[in-house]
Amino acid sequence: MNRAARERQGRRAETWAAWWLRLHGWRILEQRLRTPVGEIDILARRGRVVACIEVKYRETVIELDHAIDRARLRRVAAAAGLICDRHLGPQDELRIDVILISPWNRPRHLVNVWHG
């Protein structure tokens, strides 16, 4: 698959993830939020929790097991640090989540995956 096709598939996965989050009570604050240090695929809120969500799509569940690494999460965490003033209140919790998507499977939502 070439780069353009991977980009389209990634955007579709982010759209699917956003709808899945909405169906589970989340409000999408921003999508594809770019910062100088990294990108946040989805920024969402549910109650007092604001989640910076990394979305990964792979053709198989086995490939998803290797889709997220520490370097990727470090970039998401760095980006989260830059945007937190805009979206967090004094009682809010900021966390890094991951949503893994593959064909014919339910999205897997991994909660609070970054512990600095």
PDB file of N, CA and C in Angstrom:
ATOM      1  N   MET A   1       0.862  -1.180   0.000  1.00  0.00           N
ATOM      2  CA  MET A   1       0.000   0.000   0.000  1.00  0.00           C
ATOM      3  C   MET A   1       0.902   1.235   0.000  1.00  0.00           C
ATOM      4  N   ASN A   2       0.617   2.184  -0.877  1.00  0.00           N
ATOM      5  CA  ASN A   2       1.445   3.382  -0.939  1.00  0.00           C
ATOM      6  C   ASN A   2       1.059   4.379   0.161  1.00  0.00           C
ATOM      7  N   ARG A   3       1.843   5.418   0.280  1.00  0.00           N
ATOM      8  CA  ARG A   3       1.652   6.402   1.363  1.00  0.00           C
ATOM      9  C   ARG A   3       0.273   7.060   1.322  1.00  0.00           C
ATOM     10  N   ALA A   4      -0.187   7.447   0.141  1.00  0.00           N
ATOM     11  CA  ALA A   4      -1.493   8.112   0.020  1.00  0.00           C
ATOM     12  C   ALA A   4      -2.620   7.171   0.458  1.00  0.00           C
ATOM     13  N   ALA A   5      -2.528   5.919   0.068  1.00  0.00           N
ATOM     14  CA  ALA A   5      -3.558   4.952   0.466  1.00  0.00           C
ATOM     15  C   ALA A   5      -3.535   4.726   1.978  1.00  0.00           C
ATOM     16  N   ARG A   6      -2.340   4.651   2.563  1.00  0.00           N
ATOM     17  CA  ARG A   6      -2.238   4.500   4.029  1.00  0.00           C
ATOM     18  C   ARG A   6      -2.827   5.713   4.738  1.00  0.00           C
ATOM     19  N   GLU A   7      -2.576   6.896   4.183  1.00  0.00           N
ATOM     20  CA  GLU A   7      -3.123   8.129   4.771  1.00  0.00           C
ATOM     21  C   GLU A   7      -4.652   8.110   4.726  1.00  0.00           C
ATOM     22  N   ARG A   8      -5.228   7.715   3.596  1.00  0.00           N
ATOM     23  CA  ARG A   8      -6.694   7.631   3.492  1.00  0.00           C
ATOM     24  C   ARG A   8      -7.252   6.616   4.483  1.00  0.00           C
ATOM     25  N   GLN A   9      -6.604   5.458   4.581  1.00  0.00           N
ATOM     26  CA  GLN A   9      -7.064   4.428   5.514  1.00  0.00           C
ATOM     27  C   GLN A   9      -6.961   4.920   6.959  1.00  0.00           C
ATOM     28  N   GLY A  10      -5.903   5.631   7.266  1.00  0.00           N
ATOM     29  CA  GLY A  10      -5.746   6.180   8.613  1.00  0.00           C
ATOM     30  C   GLY A  10      -6.831   7.191   8.943  1.00  0.00           C
ATOM     31  N   ARG A  11      -7.166   8.028   7.988  1.00  0.00           N
ATOM     32  CA  ARG A  11      -8.246   9.006   8.215  1.00  0.00           C
ATOM     33  C   ARG A  11      -9.594   8.310   8.401  1.00  0.00           C
ATOM     34  N   ARG A  12      -9.836   7.267   7.617  1.00  0.00           N
ATOM     35  CA  ARG A  12     -11.082   6.498   7.798  1.00  0.00           C
ATOM     36  C   ARG A  12     -11.120   5.873   9.193  1.00  0.00           C
ATOM     37  N   ALA A  13     -10.010   5.322   9.628  1.00  0.00           N
ATOM     38  CA  ALA A  13      -9.951   4.713  10.963  1.00  0.00           C
ATOM     39  C   ALA A  13     -10.216   5.764  12.047  1.00  0.00           C
ATOM     40  N   GLU A  14      -9.679   6.958  11.882  1.00  0.00           N
ATOM     41  CA  GLU A  14      -9.925   8.025  12.845  1.00  0.00           C
ATOM     42  C   GLU A  14     -11.400   8.422  12.854  1.00  0.00           C
ATOM     43  N   THR A  15     -12.032   8.434  11.700  1.00  0.00           N
ATOM     44  CA  THR A  15     -13.466   8.730  11.626  1.00  0.00           C
ATOM     45  C   THR A  15     -14.266   7.641  12.334  1.00  0.00           C
ATOM     46  N   TRP A  16     -13.917   6.372  12.082  1.00  0.00           N
ATOM     47  CA  TRP A  16     -14.601   5.264  12.767  1.00  0.00           C
ATOM     48  C   TRP A  16     -14.416   5.372  14.272  1.00  0.00           C
ATOM     49  N   ALA A  17     -13.194   5.662  14.697  1.00  0.00           N
ATOM     50  CA  ALA A  17     -12.906   5.773  16.131  1.00  0.00           C
ATOM     51  C   ALA A  17     -13.709   6.914  16.761  1.00  0.00           C
ATOM     52  N   ALA A  18     -13.818   8.034  16.064  1.00  0.00           N
ATOM     53  CA  ALA A  18     -14.583   9.170  16.599  1.00  0.00           C
ATOM     54  C   ALA A  18     -16.059   8.795  16.772  1.00  0.00           C
ATOM     55  N   TRP A  19     -16.620   8.100  15.806  1.00  0.00           N
ATOM     56  CA  TRP A  19     -18.017   7.667  15.938  1.00  0.00           C
ATOM     57  C   TRP A  19     -18.180   6.660  17.066  1.00  0.00           C
ATOM     58  N   TRP A  20     -17.246   5.747  17.201  1.00  0.00           N
ATOM     59  CA  TRP A  20     -17.293   4.762  18.279  1.00  0.00           C
ATOM     60  C   TRP A  20     -17.252   5.474  19.632  1.00  0.00           C
ATOM     61  N   LEU A  21     -16.380   6.482  19.738  1.00  0.00           N
ATOM     62  CA  LEU A  21     -16.305   7.253  20.986  1.00  0.00           C
ATOM     63  C   LEU A  21     -17.616   7.975  21.272  1.00  0.00           C
ATOM     64  N   ARG A  22     -18.189   8.608  20.247  1.00  0.00           N
ATOM     65  CA  ARG A  22     -19.472   9.304  20.439  1.00  0.00           C
ATOM     66  C   ARG A  22     -20.551   8.345  20.935  1.00  0.00           C
ATOM     67  N   LEU A  23     -20.589   7.156  20.362  1.00  0.00           N
ATOM     68  CA  LEU A  23     -21.577   6.157  20.784  1.00  0.00           C
ATOM     69  C   LEU A  23     -21.375   5.712  22.235  1.00  0.00           C
ATOM     70  N   HIS A  24     -20.182   5.944  22.761  1.00  0.00           N
ATOM     71  CA  HIS A  24     -19.874   5.581  24.140  1.00  0.00           C
ATOM     72  C   HIS A  24     -19.810   6.807  25.062  1.00  0.00           C
ATOM     73  N   GLY A  25     -20.452   7.892  24.649  1.00  0.00           N
ATOM     74  CA  GLY A  25     -20.619   9.044  25.526  1.00  0.00           C
ATOM     75  C   GLY A  25     -19.520  10.086  25.502  1.00  0.00           C
ATOM     76  N   TRP A  26     -18.604   9.995  24.567  1.00  0.00           N
ATOM     77  CA  TRP A  26     -17.532  10.977  24.467  1.00  0.00           C
ATOM     78  C   TRP A  26     -17.945  12.122  23.548  1.00  0.00           C
ATOM     79  N   ARG A  27     -17.434  13.309  23.835  1.00  0.00           N
ATOM     80  CA  ARG A  27     -17.607  14.466  22.955  1.00  0.00           C
ATOM     81  C   ARG A  27     -16.257  14.727  22.292  1.00  0.00           C
ATOM     82  N   ILE A  28     -16.248  14.796  20.986  1.00  0.00           N
ATOM     83  CA  ILE A  28     -15.004  15.028  20.246  1.00  0.00           C
ATOM     84  C   ILE A  28     -14.714  16.526  20.277  1.00  0.00           C
ATOM     85  N   LEU A  29     -13.564  16.884  20.824  1.00  0.00           N
ATOM     86  CA  LEU A  29     -13.162  18.286  20.905  1.00  0.00           C
ATOM     87  C   LEU A  29     -12.403  18.717  19.657  1.00  0.00           C
ATOM     88  N   GLU A  30     -11.478  17.875  19.220  1.00  0.00           N
ATOM     89  CA  GLU A  30     -10.689  18.170  18.027  1.00  0.00           C
ATOM     90  C   GLU A  30     -10.220  16.864  17.410  1.00  0.00           C
ATOM     91  N   GLN A  31      -9.921  16.927  16.122  1.00  0.00           N
ATOM     92  CA  GLN A  31      -9.338  15.789  15.423  1.00  0.00           C
ATOM     93  C   GLN A  31      -8.131  16.263  14.632  1.00  0.00           C
ATOM     94  N   ARG A  32      -7.143  15.368  14.504  1.00  0.00           N
ATOM     95  CA  ARG A  32      -5.919  15.659  13.753  1.00  0.00           C
ATOM     96  C   ARG A  32      -5.285  16.965  14.222  1.00  0.00           C
ATOM     97  N   LEU A  33      -5.090  17.050  15.503  1.00  0.00           N
ATOM     98  CA  LEU A  33      -4.536  18.242  16.130  1.00  0.00           C
ATOM     99  C   LEU A  33      -3.008  18.188  16.046  1.00  0.00           C
ATOM    100  N   ARG A  34      -2.439  19.060  15.227  1.00  0.00           N
ATOM    101  CA  ARG A  34      -0.991  19.057  15.015  1.00  0.00           C
ATOM    102  C   ARG A  34      -0.339  20.092  15.929  1.00  0.00           C
ATOM    103  N   THR A  35       0.775  19.698  16.519  1.00  0.00           N
ATOM    104  CA  THR A  35       1.584  20.600  17.327  1.00  0.00           C
ATOM    105  C   THR A  35       3.025  20.491  16.827  1.00  0.00           C
ATOM    106  N   PRO A  36       3.903  21.366  17.269  1.00  0.00           N
ATOM    107  CA  PRO A  36       5.309  21.266  16.842  1.00  0.00           C
ATOM    108  C   PRO A  36       6.001  19.973  17.299  1.00  0.00           C
ATOM    109  N   VAL A  37       5.474  19.314  18.317  1.00  0.00           N
ATOM    110  CA  VAL A  37       6.153  18.122  18.851  1.00  0.00           C
ATOM    111  C   VAL A  37       5.455  16.803  18.533  1.00  0.00           C
ATOM    112  N   GLY A  38       4.268  16.863  17.962  1.00  0.00           N
ATOM    113  CA  GLY A  38       3.544  15.636  17.640  1.00  0.00           C
ATOM    114  C   GLY A  38       2.102  15.918  17.296  1.00  0.00           C
ATOM    115  N   GLU A  39       1.388  14.860  16.955  1.00  0.00           N
ATOM    116  CA  GLU A  39      -0.017  14.991  16.550  1.00  0.00           C
ATOM    117  C   GLU A  39      -0.899  14.172  17.479  1.00  0.00           C
ATOM    118  N   ILE A  40      -2.078  14.718  17.740  1.00  0.00           N
ATOM    119  CA  ILE A  40      -3.099  13.990  18.494  1.00  0.00           C
ATOM    120  C   ILE A  40      -4.199  13.665  17.495  1.00  0.00           C
ATOM    121  N   ASP A  41      -4.474  12.375  17.317  1.00  0.00           N
ATOM    122  CA  ASP A  41      -5.485  11.979  16.337  1.00  0.00           C
ATOM    123  C   ASP A  41      -6.870  12.459  16.743  1.00  0.00           C
ATOM    124  N   ILE A  42      -7.239  12.209  17.999  1.00  0.00           N
ATOM    125  CA  ILE A  42      -8.551  12.633  18.507  1.00  0.00           C
ATOM    126  C   ILE A  42      -8.372  13.168  19.919  1.00  0.00           C
ATOM    127  N   LEU A  43      -8.964  14.304  20.186  1.00  0.00           N
ATOM    128  CA  LEU A  43      -9.037  14.853  21.534  1.00  0.00           C
ATOM    129  C   LEU A  43     -10.508  14.787  21.926  1.00  0.00           C
ATOM    130  N   ALA A  44     -10.802  14.070  23.001  1.00  0.00           N
ATOM    131  CA  ALA A  44     -12.201  13.832  23.372  1.00  0.00           C
ATOM    132  C   ALA A  44     -12.394  14.043  24.870  1.00  0.00           C
ATOM    133  N   ARG A  45     -13.633  14.347  25.231  1.00  0.00           N
ATOM    134  CA  ARG A  45     -13.988  14.570  26.632  1.00  0.00           C
ATOM    135  C   ARG A  45     -15.204  13.732  26.983  1.00  0.00           C
ATOM    136  N   ARG A  46     -15.143  13.159  28.185  1.00  0.00           N
ATOM    137  CA  ARG A  46     -16.311  12.522  28.793  1.00  0.00           C
ATOM    138  C   ARG A  46     -16.246  12.866  30.269  1.00  0.00           C
ATOM    139  N   GLY A  47     -17.193  13.691  30.697  1.00  0.00           N
ATOM    140  CA  GLY A  47     -17.172  14.159  32.081  1.00  0.00           C
ATOM    141  C   GLY A  47     -15.920  14.972  32.348  1.00  0.00           C
ATOM    142  N   ARG A  48     -15.196  14.598  33.376  1.00  0.00           N
ATOM    143  CA  ARG A  48     -13.970  15.306  33.769  1.00  0.00           C
ATOM    144  C   ARG A  48     -12.707  14.730  33.127  1.00  0.00           C
ATOM    145  N   VAL A  49     -12.865  13.766  32.239  1.00  0.00           N
ATOM    146  CA  VAL A  49     -11.716  13.147  31.584  1.00  0.00           C
ATOM    147  C   VAL A  49     -11.548  13.728  30.179  1.00  0.00           C
ATOM    148  N   VAL A  50     -10.341  14.203  29.910  1.00  0.00           N
ATOM    149  CA  VAL A  50      -9.973  14.630  28.564  1.00  0.00           C
ATOM    150  C   VAL A  50      -8.920  13.629  28.087  1.00  0.00           C
ATOM    151  N   ALA A  51      -9.195  12.983  26.963  1.00  0.00           N
ATOM    152  CA  ALA A  51      -8.302  11.944  26.455  1.00  0.00           C
ATOM    153  C   ALA A  51      -7.694  12.372  25.120  1.00  0.00           C
ATOM    154  N   CYS A  52      -6.382  12.226  25.037  1.00  0.00           N
ATOM    155  CA  CYS A  52      -5.653  12.370  23.786  1.00  0.00           C
ATOM    156  C   CYS A  52      -5.547  10.957  23.234  1.00  0.00           C
ATOM    157  N   ILE A  53      -6.174  10.725  22.099  1.00  0.00           N
ATOM    158  CA  ILE A  53      -6.336   9.356  21.610  1.00  0.00           C
ATOM    159  C   ILE A  53      -5.547   9.149  20.324  1.00  0.00           C
ATOM    160  N   GLU A  54      -4.676   8.165  20.370  1.00  0.00           N
ATOM    161  CA  GLU A  54      -3.922   7.714  19.200  1.00  0.00           C
ATOM    162  C   GLU A  54      -4.727   6.590  18.558  1.00  0.00           C
ATOM    163  N   VAL A  55      -4.963   6.683  17.257  1.00  0.00           N
ATOM    164  CA  VAL A  55      -5.732   5.674  16.531  1.00  0.00           C
ATOM    165  C   VAL A  55      -4.785   4.923  15.604  1.00  0.00           C
ATOM    166  N   LYS A  56      -4.860   3.608  15.639  1.00  0.00           N
ATOM    167  CA  LYS A  56      -4.054   2.781  14.747  1.00  0.00           C
ATOM    168  C   LYS A  56      -4.954   1.794  14.021  1.00  0.00           C
ATOM    169  N   TYR A  57      -4.748   1.677  12.722  1.00  0.00           N
ATOM    170  CA  TYR A  57      -5.453   0.712  11.889  1.00  0.00           C
ATOM    171  C   TYR A  57      -4.427  -0.254  11.323  1.00  0.00           C
ATOM    172  N   ARG A  58      -4.748  -1.528  11.375  1.00  0.00           N
ATOM    173  CA  ARG A  58      -3.948  -2.555  10.726  1.00  0.00           C
ATOM    174  C   ARG A  58      -4.900  -3.591  10.143  1.00  0.00           C
ATOM    175  N   GLU A  59      -4.436  -4.319   9.167  1.00  0.00           N
ATOM    176  CA  GLU A  59      -5.269  -5.313   8.490  1.00  0.00           C
ATOM    177  C   GLU A  59      -5.607  -6.506   9.375  1.00  0.00           C
ATOM    178  N   THR A  60      -4.759  -6.815  10.349  1.00  0.00           N
ATOM    179  CA  THR A  60      -5.016  -7.961  11.231  1.00  0.00           C
ATOM    180  C   THR A  60      -4.834  -7.554  12.684  1.00  0.00           C
ATOM    181  N   VAL A  61      -5.484  -8.303  13.562  1.00  0.00           N
ATOM    182  CA  VAL A  61      -5.358  -8.065  14.999  1.00  0.00           C
ATOM    183  C   VAL A  61      -3.911  -8.291  15.438  1.00  0.00           C
ATOM    184  N   ILE A  62      -3.253  -9.261  14.856  1.00  0.00           N
ATOM    185  CA  ILE A  62      -1.859  -9.541  15.215  1.00  0.00           C
ATOM    186  C   ILE A  62      -0.968  -8.337  14.901  1.00  0.00           C
ATOM    187  N   GLU A  63      -1.199  -7.698  13.763  1.00  0.00           N
ATOM    188  CA  GLU A  63      -0.425  -6.501  13.424  1.00  0.00           C
ATOM    189  C   GLU A  63      -0.682  -5.370  14.412  1.00  0.00           C
ATOM    190  N   LEU A  64      -1.898  -5.288  14.928  1.00  0.00           N
ATOM    191  CA  LEU A  64      -2.222  -4.241  15.899  1.00  0.00           C
ATOM    192  C   LEU A  64      -1.416  -4.390  17.185  1.00  0.00           C
ATOM    193  N   ASP A  65      -1.065  -5.620  17.526  1.00  0.00           N
ATOM    194  CA  ASP A  65      -0.292  -5.842  18.747  1.00  0.00           C
ATOM    195  C   ASP A  65       1.065  -5.143  18.700  1.00  0.00           C
ATOM    196  N   HIS A  66       1.525  -4.790  17.501  1.00  0.00           N
ATOM    197  CA  HIS A  66       2.831  -4.152  17.347  1.00  0.00           C
ATOM    198  C   HIS A  66       2.729  -2.733  16.788  1.00  0.00           C
ATOM    199  N   ALA A  67       1.529  -2.177  16.779  1.00  0.00           N
ATOM    200  CA  ALA A  67       1.312  -0.884  16.126  1.00  0.00           C
ATOM    201  C   ALA A  67       1.711   0.305  16.992  1.00  0.00           C
ATOM    202  N   ILE A  68       1.732   0.135  18.288  1.00  0.00           N
ATOM    203  CA  ILE A  68       2.023   1.244  19.197  1.00  0.00           C
ATOM    204  C   ILE A  68       3.352   0.981  19.883  1.00  0.00           C
ATOM    205  N   ASP A  69       4.187   2.009  19.884  1.00  0.00           N
ATOM    206  CA  ASP A  69       5.455   1.883  20.597  1.00  0.00           C
ATOM    207  C   ASP A  69       5.650   3.093  21.510  1.00  0.00           C
ATOM    208  N   ARG A  70       6.652   3.006  22.327  1.00  0.00           N
ATOM    209  CA  ARG A  70       6.919   4.045  23.317  1.00  0.00           C
ATOM    210  C   ARG A  70       7.225   5.399  22.668  1.00  0.00           C
ATOM    211  N   ALA A  71       7.950   5.389  21.551  1.00  0.00           N
ATOM    212  CA  ALA A  71       8.288   6.646  20.875  1.00  0.00           C
ATOM    213  C   ALA A  71       7.027   7.363  20.396  1.00  0.00           C
ATOM    214  N   ARG A  72       6.084   6.615  19.825  1.00  0.00           N
ATOM    215  CA  ARG A  72       4.819   7.197  19.356  1.00  0.00           C
ATOM    216  C   ARG A  72       4.055   7.797  20.537  1.00  0.00           C
ATOM    217  N   LEU A  73       3.957   7.057  21.621  1.00  0.00           N
ATOM    218  CA  LEU A  73       3.230   7.553  22.795  1.00  0.00           C
ATOM    219  C   LEU A  73       3.925   8.767  23.406  1.00  0.00           C
ATOM    220  N   ARG A  74       5.242   8.797  23.353  1.00  0.00           N
ATOM    221  CA  ARG A  74       5.985   9.954  23.868  1.00  0.00           C
ATOM    222  C   ARG A  74       5.628  11.207  23.079  1.00  0.00           C
ATOM    223  N   ARG A  75       5.501  11.089  21.757  1.00  0.00           N
ATOM    224  CA  ARG A  75       5.118  12.244  20.933  1.00  0.00           C
ATOM    225  C   ARG A  75       3.695  12.703  21.244  1.00  0.00           C
ATOM    226  N   VAL A  76       2.786  11.756  21.445  1.00  0.00           N
ATOM    227  CA  VAL A  76       1.411  12.123  21.802  1.00  0.00           C
ATOM    228  C   VAL A  76       1.400  12.821  23.161  1.00  0.00           C
ATOM    229  N   ALA A  77       2.159  12.302  24.117  1.00  0.00           N
ATOM    230  CA  ALA A  77       2.224  12.920  25.448  1.00  0.00           C
ATOM    231  C   ALA A  77       2.809  14.328  25.375  1.00  0.00           C
ATOM    232  N   ALA A  78       3.831  14.520  24.549  1.00  0.00           N
ATOM    233  CA  ALA A  78       4.416  15.853  24.393  1.00  0.00           C
ATOM    234  C   ALA A  78       3.397  16.816  23.790  1.00  0.00           C
ATOM    235  N   ALA A  79       2.663  16.360  22.793  1.00  0.00           N
ATOM    236  CA  ALA A  79       1.614  17.199  22.193  1.00  0.00           C
ATOM    237  C   ALA A  79       0.528  17.510  23.219  1.00  0.00           C
ATOM    238  N   ALA A  80       0.165  16.528  24.033  1.00  0.00           N
ATOM    239  CA  ALA A  80      -0.853  16.734  25.069  1.00  0.00           C
ATOM    240  C   ALA A  80      -0.417  17.825  26.039  1.00  0.00           C
ATOM    241  N   GLY A  81       0.865  17.838  26.372  1.00  0.00           N
ATOM    242  CA  GLY A  81       1.373  18.867  27.276  1.00  0.00           C
ATOM    243  C   GLY A  81       1.222  20.269  26.720  1.00  0.00           C
ATOM    244  N   LEU A  82       1.277  20.399  25.403  1.00  0.00           N
ATOM    245  CA  LEU A  82       1.142  21.722  24.780  1.00  0.00           C
ATOM    246  C   LEU A  82      -0.301  22.206  24.710  1.00  0.00           C
ATOM    247  N   ILE A  83      -1.248  21.300  24.636  1.00  0.00           N
ATOM    248  CA  ILE A  83      -2.645  21.719  24.440  1.00  0.00           C
ATOM    249  C   ILE A  83      -3.462  21.702  25.729  1.00  0.00           C
ATOM    250  N   CYS A  84      -2.898  21.197  26.813  1.00  0.00           N
ATOM    251  CA  CYS A  84      -3.719  20.978  28.008  1.00  0.00           C
ATOM    252  C   CYS A  84      -4.295  22.273  28.578  1.00  0.00           C
ATOM    253  N   ASP A  85      -3.593  23.390  28.467  1.00  0.00           N
ATOM    254  CA  ASP A  85      -4.134  24.648  29.001  1.00  0.00           C
ATOM    255  C   ASP A  85      -5.436  25.048  28.320  1.00  0.00           C
ATOM    256  N   ARG A  86      -5.562  24.717  27.048  1.00  0.00           N
ATOM    257  CA  ARG A  86      -6.769  25.090  26.289  1.00  0.00           C
ATOM    258  C   ARG A  86      -7.988  24.274  26.655  1.00  0.00           C
ATOM    259  N   HIS A  87      -7.801  23.038  27.102  1.00  0.00           N
ATOM    260  CA  HIS A  87      -8.929  22.122  27.223  1.00  0.00           C
ATOM    261  C   HIS A  87      -9.177  21.565  28.624  1.00  0.00           C
ATOM    262  N   LEU A  88      -8.300  21.846  29.553  1.00  0.00           N
ATOM    263  CA  LEU A  88      -8.450  21.266  30.891  1.00  0.00           C
ATOM    264  C   LEU A  88      -8.892  22.298  31.908  1.00  0.00           C
ATOM    265  N   GLY A  89      -9.871  21.898  32.712  1.00  0.00           N
ATOM    266  CA  GLY A  89     -10.255  22.692  33.859  1.00  0.00           C
ATOM    267  C   GLY A  89      -9.469  22.226  35.077  1.00  0.00           C
ATOM    268  N   PRO A  90      -9.615  22.916  36.211  1.00  0.00           N
ATOM    269  CA  PRO A  90      -8.826  22.573  37.396  1.00  0.00           C
ATOM    270  C   PRO A  90      -9.101  21.172  37.948  1.00  0.00           C
ATOM    271  N   GLN A  91     -10.267  20.620  37.743  1.00  0.00           N
ATOM    272  CA  GLN A  91     -10.604  19.295  38.269  1.00  0.00           C
ATOM    273  C   GLN A  91     -10.512  18.180  37.222  1.00  0.00           C
ATOM    274  N   ASP A  92     -10.091  18.530  36.019  1.00  0.00           N
ATOM    275  CA  ASP A  92     -10.071  17.552  34.928  1.00  0.00           C
ATOM    276  C   ASP A  92      -8.842  16.647  34.989  1.00  0.00           C
ATOM    277  N   GLU A  93      -9.004  15.467  34.420  1.00  0.00           N
ATOM    278  CA  GLU A  93      -7.924  14.490  34.298  1.00  0.00           C
ATOM    279  C   GLU A  93      -7.545  14.378  32.820  1.00  0.00           C
ATOM    280  N   LEU A  94      -6.254  14.446  32.533  1.00  0.00           N
ATOM    281  CA  LEU A  94      -5.763  14.266  31.171  1.00  0.00           C
ATOM    282  C   LEU A  94      -5.124  12.891  31.079  1.00  0.00           C
ATOM    283  N   ARG A  95      -5.456  12.160  30.026  1.00  0.00           N
ATOM    284  CA  ARG A  95      -4.847  10.848  29.851  1.00  0.00           C
ATOM    285  C   ARG A  95      -4.615  10.584  28.371  1.00  0.00           C
ATOM    286  N   ILE A  96      -3.761   9.584  28.120  1.00  0.00           N
ATOM    287  CA  ILE A  96      -3.450   9.153  26.764  1.00  0.00           C
ATOM    288  C   ILE A  96      -4.099   7.781  26.576  1.00  0.00           C
ATOM    289  N   ASP A  97      -4.959   7.672  25.567  1.00  0.00           N
ATOM    290  CA  ASP A  97      -5.625   6.421  25.225  1.00  0.00           C
ATOM    291  C   ASP A  97      -5.220   6.013  23.808  1.00  0.00           C
ATOM    292  N   VAL A  98      -5.491   4.773  23.477  1.00  0.00           N
ATOM    293  CA  VAL A  98      -5.249   4.258  22.128  1.00  0.00           C
ATOM    294  C   VAL A  98      -6.499   3.510  21.685  1.00  0.00           C
ATOM    295  N   ILE A  99      -6.883   3.697  20.433  1.00  0.00           N
ATOM    296  CA  ILE A  99      -7.949   2.887  19.838  1.00  0.00           C
ATOM    297  C   ILE A  99      -7.336   2.125  18.671  1.00  0.00           C
ATOM    298  N   LEU A 100      -7.491   0.811  18.720  1.00  0.00           N
ATOM    299  CA  LEU A 100      -6.952  -0.079  17.696  1.00  0.00           C
ATOM    300  C   LEU A 100      -8.092  -0.596  16.833  1.00  0.00           C
ATOM    301  N   ILE A 101      -7.933  -0.472  15.522  1.00  0.00           N
ATOM    302  CA  ILE A 101      -8.997  -0.842  14.589  1.00  0.00           C
ATOM    303  C   ILE A 101      -8.438  -1.796  13.535  1.00  0.00           C
ATOM    304  N   SER A 102      -9.189  -2.865  13.293  1.00  0.00           N
ATOM    305  CA  SER A 102      -8.885  -3.789  12.201  1.00  0.00           C
ATOM    306  C   SER A 102     -10.213  -4.251  11.603  1.00  0.00           C
ATOM    307  N   PRO A 103     -10.209  -4.686  10.344  1.00  0.00           N
ATOM    308  CA  PRO A 103     -11.456  -5.087   9.695  1.00  0.00           C
ATOM    309  C   PRO A 103     -12.158  -6.219  10.444  1.00  0.00           C
ATOM    310  N   TRP A 104     -13.465  -6.127  10.498  1.00  0.00           N
ATOM    311  CA  TRP A 104     -14.344  -7.154  11.046  1.00  0.00           C
ATOM    312  C   TRP A 104     -14.164  -7.400  12.545  1.00  0.00           C
ATOM    313  N   ASN A 105     -13.561  -6.437  13.232  1.00  0.00           N
ATOM    314  CA  ASN A 105     -13.394  -6.537  14.678  1.00  0.00           C
ATOM    315  C   ASN A 105     -13.892  -5.252  15.322  1.00  0.00           C
ATOM    316  N   ARG A 106     -14.353  -5.375  16.548  1.00  0.00           N
ATOM    317  CA  ARG A 106     -14.739  -4.174  17.296  1.00  0.00           C
ATOM    318  C   ARG A 106     -13.480  -3.381  17.624  1.00  0.00           C
ATOM    319  N   PRO A 107     -13.593  -2.071  17.663  1.00  0.00           N
ATOM    320  CA  PRO A 107     -12.430  -1.272  18.086  1.00  0.00           C
ATOM    321  C   PRO A 107     -12.021  -1.662  19.511  1.00  0.00           C
ATOM    322  N   ARG A 108     -10.718  -1.692  19.752  1.00  0.00           N
ATOM    323  CA  ARG A 108     -10.203  -1.916  21.105  1.00  0.00           C
ATOM    324  C   ARG A 108      -9.752  -0.575  21.654  1.00  0.00           C
ATOM    325  N   HIS A 109     -10.337  -0.185  22.786  1.00  0.00           N
ATOM    326  CA  HIS A 109      -9.999   1.084  23.437  1.00  0.00           C
ATOM    327  C   HIS A 109      -9.097   0.773  24.625  1.00  0.00           C
ATOM    328  N   LEU A 110      -7.824   1.141  24.496  1.00  0.00           N
ATOM    329  CA  LEU A 110      -6.865   0.967  25.576  1.00  0.00           C
ATOM    330  C   LEU A 110      -6.795   2.275  26.365  1.00  0.00           C
ATOM    331  N   VAL A 111      -7.093   2.183  27.635  1.00  0.00           N
ATOM    332  CA  VAL A 111      -7.270   3.363  28.477  1.00  0.00           C
ATOM    333  C   VAL A 111      -5.993   3.674  29.258  1.00  0.00           C
ATOM    334  N   ASN A 112      -5.626   4.964  29.261  1.00  0.00           N
ATOM    335  CA  ASN A 112      -4.539   5.472  30.095  1.00  0.00           C
ATOM    336  C   ASN A 112      -3.245   4.677  29.894  1.00  0.00           C
ATOM    337  N   VAL A 113      -2.760   4.676  28.666  1.00  0.00           N
ATOM    338  CA  VAL A 113      -1.621   3.823  28.308  1.00  0.00           C
ATOM    339  C   VAL A 113      -0.259   4.465  28.582  1.00  0.00           C
ATOM    340  N   TRP A 114      -0.226   5.748  28.870  1.00  0.00           N
ATOM    341  CA  TRP A 114       1.055   6.434  29.068  1.00  0.00           C
ATOM    342  C   TRP A 114       1.249   6.754  30.543  1.00  0.00           C
ATOM    343  N   HIS A 115       2.382   6.353  31.052  1.00  0.00           N
ATOM    344  CA  HIS A 115       2.719   6.638  32.455  1.00  0.00           C
ATOM    345  C   HIS A 115       4.114   7.242  32.535  1.00  0.00           C
ATOM    346  N   GLY A 116       4.367   8.203  31.644  1.00  0.00           N
ATOM    347  CA  GLY A 116       5.579   8.982  31.571  1.00  0.00           C
ATOM    348  C   GLY A 116       6.817   8.288  31.766  1.00  0.00           C
TER     349      GLY A 116
END
